[in-house]
Protein backbone atom coordinates (compact mmCIF):
# COMPACT_ATOMS: atom_id res chain seq x y z
CA MET A 1 18.77 9.48 8.33
CA GLY A 2 17.68 9.03 4.71
CA ALA A 3 16.54 5.76 3.20
CA LEU A 4 19.04 4.05 0.93
CA GLU A 5 17.64 2.84 -2.39
CA GLN A 6 19.51 -0.36 -3.12
CA ASN A 7 18.10 -2.53 -5.87
CA ILE A 8 19.12 -6.17 -5.69
CA ALA A 9 20.00 -6.66 -9.33
CA GLU A 10 19.07 -9.53 -11.59
CA SER A 11 22.79 -10.16 -12.03
CA ASN A 12 22.97 -11.25 -8.36
CA HIS A 13 21.19 -14.45 -9.44
CA VAL A 14 18.85 -14.81 -6.48
CA ILE A 15 17.30 -18.26 -6.95
CA ILE A 16 13.95 -19.13 -5.41
CA GLY A 17 14.45 -21.93 -2.89
CA GLN A 18 18.03 -21.08 -1.95
CA LYS A 19 19.12 -19.63 1.37
CA ILE A 20 20.39 -16.08 0.98
CA THR A 21 21.83 -13.50 3.34
CA LEU A 22 21.23 -9.81 2.64
CA GLN A 23 23.08 -6.98 4.38
CA TRP A 24 22.64 -3.21 4.53
CA ASN A 25 25.05 -0.71 6.11
CA VAL A 26 23.01 2.15 7.57
CA ASP A 27 24.35 5.72 7.76
CA GLN A 28 23.12 8.80 9.56
CA SER A 29 21.46 11.62 7.60
CA ASP A 30 24.84 13.02 6.51
CA GLY A 31 25.21 9.91 4.33
CA SER A 32 28.66 9.00 5.62
CA THR A 33 28.58 8.58 9.41
CA ALA A 34 27.63 5.05 10.46
CA GLN A 35 24.33 4.83 12.35
CA ASN A 36 24.59 2.86 15.57
CA MET A 37 21.41 0.74 15.72
CA ASN A 38 22.07 -0.85 19.11
CA GLY A 39 18.70 -1.65 20.71
CA TRP A 40 16.72 -1.21 17.49
CA THR A 41 14.39 -3.87 16.14
CA VAL A 42 14.78 -3.90 12.36
CA GLN A 43 12.69 -5.84 9.86
CA PHE A 44 12.91 -6.82 6.20
CA VAL A 45 9.64 -7.01 4.26
CA LEU A 46 9.42 -8.54 0.76
CA MET A 47 6.36 -7.40 -1.24
CA ASP A 48 4.71 -7.97 -4.60
CA ARG A 49 4.97 -4.24 -5.38
CA ARG A 50 5.87 -1.01 -3.55
CA GLY A 51 3.48 -0.79 -0.64
CA GLY A 52 1.77 -3.99 -1.76
CA THR A 53 1.05 -7.36 -0.23
CA ALA A 54 3.86 -8.66 1.98
CA TYR A 55 5.15 -12.10 0.97
CA MET A 56 7.45 -12.36 3.97
CA THR A 57 8.66 -10.39 6.96
CA LYS A 58 11.97 -11.24 8.61
CA THR A 59 13.52 -9.77 11.74
CA CYS A 60 17.01 -8.51 10.93
CA THR A 61 20.10 -9.04 13.02
CA VAL A 62 21.89 -5.80 13.91
CA GLN A 63 25.64 -6.32 13.69
CA ASN A 64 28.94 -4.63 12.95
CA GLY A 65 29.48 -3.53 9.36
CA ASP A 66 31.69 -0.50 8.70
CA ALA A 67 31.35 0.49 12.37
CA THR A 68 29.66 -0.74 15.56
CA ASP A 69 26.09 -2.02 15.16
CA ASP A 70 25.52 -0.24 11.85
CA GLN A 71 24.53 -3.19 9.65
CA ALA A 72 21.17 -4.90 9.29
CA GLU A 73 21.21 -8.51 8.08
CA ALA A 74 18.24 -10.56 6.90
CA VAL A 75 18.47 -14.28 6.22
CA ILE A 76 15.93 -15.89 3.90
CA ALA A 77 15.97 -19.64 4.53
CA ALA A 78 15.34 -22.07 1.68
CA ALA A 79 11.92 -23.00 3.12
CA ASP A 80 10.83 -19.34 3.39
CA TRP A 81 10.23 -19.14 -0.37
CA ALA A 82 7.62 -21.92 -0.35
CA THR A 83 6.03 -20.62 2.85
CA ALA A 84 5.66 -17.21 1.17
CA GLY A 85 4.20 -18.77 -1.99
CA ILE A 86 6.96 -17.42 -4.25
CA SER A 87 7.60 -19.93 -7.03
CA GLU A 88 7.92 -17.96 -10.27
CA SER A 89 10.59 -15.54 -11.51
CA ASP A 90 9.57 -11.97 -10.76
CA THR A 91 10.69 -8.53 -9.70
CA LEU A 92 9.55 -7.88 -6.14
CA PHE A 93 10.10 -4.97 -3.79
CA TYR A 94 11.51 -4.77 -0.28
CA THR A 95 11.90 -2.41 2.65
CA VAL A 96 14.19 -2.54 5.66
CA SER A 97 12.91 -0.45 8.55
CA ARG A 98 12.78 0.00 12.30
CA THR A 99 9.65 -1.54 13.72
CA ASP A 100 8.85 1.72 15.54
CA GLU A 101 9.38 4.01 12.51
CA VAL A 102 7.40 4.39 9.31
CA VAL A 103 10.30 5.62 7.18
CA PRO A 104 12.46 2.80 5.75
CA LEU A 105 16.20 2.57 6.27
CA ALA A 106 16.57 0.91 2.86
CA PHE A 107 14.26 -0.07 0.00
CA GLY A 108 14.41 -1.26 -3.57
CA SER A 109 13.55 -3.88 -6.13
CA PHE A 110 14.46 -7.52 -5.75
CA THR A 111 14.70 -9.79 -8.80
CA VAL A 112 14.27 -13.51 -8.17
CA HIS A 113 14.62 -16.41 -10.58
CA LYS A 114 12.98 -19.79 -10.69
CA ALA A 115 15.51 -22.61 -10.35
CA LEU A 116 16.24 -24.44 -13.58
CA ALA A 117 14.80 -27.93 -13.78
CA THR A 118 17.39 -30.68 -13.69
CA ALA A 119 17.19 -33.76 -15.85
């Protein structure tokens, strides 16, 4: 199974302070056969840079995507941003991995934006 590089683009308009749900379909090493992750513990880690300080770690839900139990889902609650100390627009990095494996299932950059002030 190879890690999927999936950058969460600036055009997705991820706003600091909003609840967001992120999902990754995981395939086997052939790149097309869905990977059944039943029984796996999967985590999402958001960092300041690749391999850097972790701002937050979330346990993912394993659920059905294209097939049975092949999708990892992480939910970032609105309060998680403040708890993590993220308040300014920035490009961060993330990994999604099994808790018992070093190699990530998915990784990439993650662009977040500060909410616009309202009058």
